[in-house]
Amino acid sequence: MIWPLLVGASILLNGFFAGMETGITSARRVRLVHWAKQGRRGAAVGAELVKHRERSVV
């Protein structure tokens, strides 16, 4: 009974992380920095992730 839930949760997590990887690899650092200066929430974190892609788990 628990196996279908575990498989479903694994598929959802896989989709989430695949989406995060796509977002990080396709993001433009200049745009993120601009948004961070405008005060958009999360843009500064995104800019740092893009700046140091080799450090992030992708």
Protein backbone atom coordinates (compact mmCIF):
# COMPACT_ATOMS: atom_id res chain seq x y z
CA MET A 1 0.00 0.00 0.00
CA ILE A 2 2.86 2.40 0.73
CA TRP A 3 4.81 1.62 -2.47
CA PRO A 4 2.45 3.52 -4.80
CA LEU A 5 2.75 6.57 -2.54
CA LEU A 6 6.54 6.35 -2.54
CA VAL A 7 6.65 5.98 -6.32
CA GLY A 8 4.29 8.93 -6.76
CA ALA A 9 6.30 11.10 -4.38
CA SER A 10 9.51 10.14 -6.18
CA ILE A 11 8.05 11.11 -9.54
CA LEU A 12 6.85 14.45 -8.18
CA LEU A 13 10.24 15.20 -6.60
CA ASN A 14 12.00 14.23 -9.81
CA GLY A 15 9.83 16.65 -11.75
CA PHE A 16 10.48 19.42 -9.24
CA PHE A 17 14.25 19.02 -9.36
CA ALA A 18 14.28 18.70 -13.15
CA GLY A 19 12.36 21.97 -13.35
CA MET A 20 14.80 23.65 -10.97
CA GLU A 21 17.75 22.45 -13.05
CA THR A 22 16.18 23.76 -16.24
CA GLY A 23 15.47 27.10 -14.61
CA ILE A 24 19.00 27.51 -13.29
CA THR A 25 20.70 26.53 -16.53
CA SER A 26 18.52 28.75 -18.71
CA ALA A 27 18.36 31.82 -16.46
CA ARG A 28 20.10 35.01 -17.51
CA ARG A 29 22.29 36.42 -14.76
CA VAL A 30 21.90 40.03 -15.95
CA ARG A 31 18.12 39.80 -15.73
CA LEU A 32 18.26 38.22 -12.28
CA VAL A 33 20.60 40.94 -11.00
CA HIS A 34 18.26 43.59 -12.43
CA TRP A 35 15.27 41.97 -10.73
CA ALA A 36 17.21 41.74 -7.46
CA LYS A 37 17.91 45.48 -7.61
CA GLN A 38 14.17 46.04 -8.12
CA GLY A 39 13.53 44.04 -4.96
CA ARG A 40 11.98 40.95 -6.48
CA ARG A 41 11.93 38.15 -3.98
CA GLY A 42 14.31 35.29 -4.76
CA ALA A 43 16.11 37.04 -7.61
CA ALA A 44 19.29 37.58 -5.58
CA VAL A 45 19.42 33.89 -4.68
CA GLY A 46 18.87 32.97 -8.32
CA ALA A 47 21.64 35.31 -9.42
CA GLU A 48 24.07 33.67 -6.99
CA LEU A 49 23.07 30.20 -8.18
CA VAL A 50 23.65 31.21 -11.79
CA LYS A 51 26.93 32.93 -10.92
CA HIS A 52 28.27 29.78 -9.24
CA ARG A 53 26.66 27.03 -11.31
CA GLU A 54 29.54 24.67 -10.62
CA ARG A 55 28.73 24.76 -6.89
CA SER A 56 25.06 23.97 -7.28
CA VAL A 57 23.78 20.44 -7.54
CA VAL A 58 22.56 20.25 -11.10
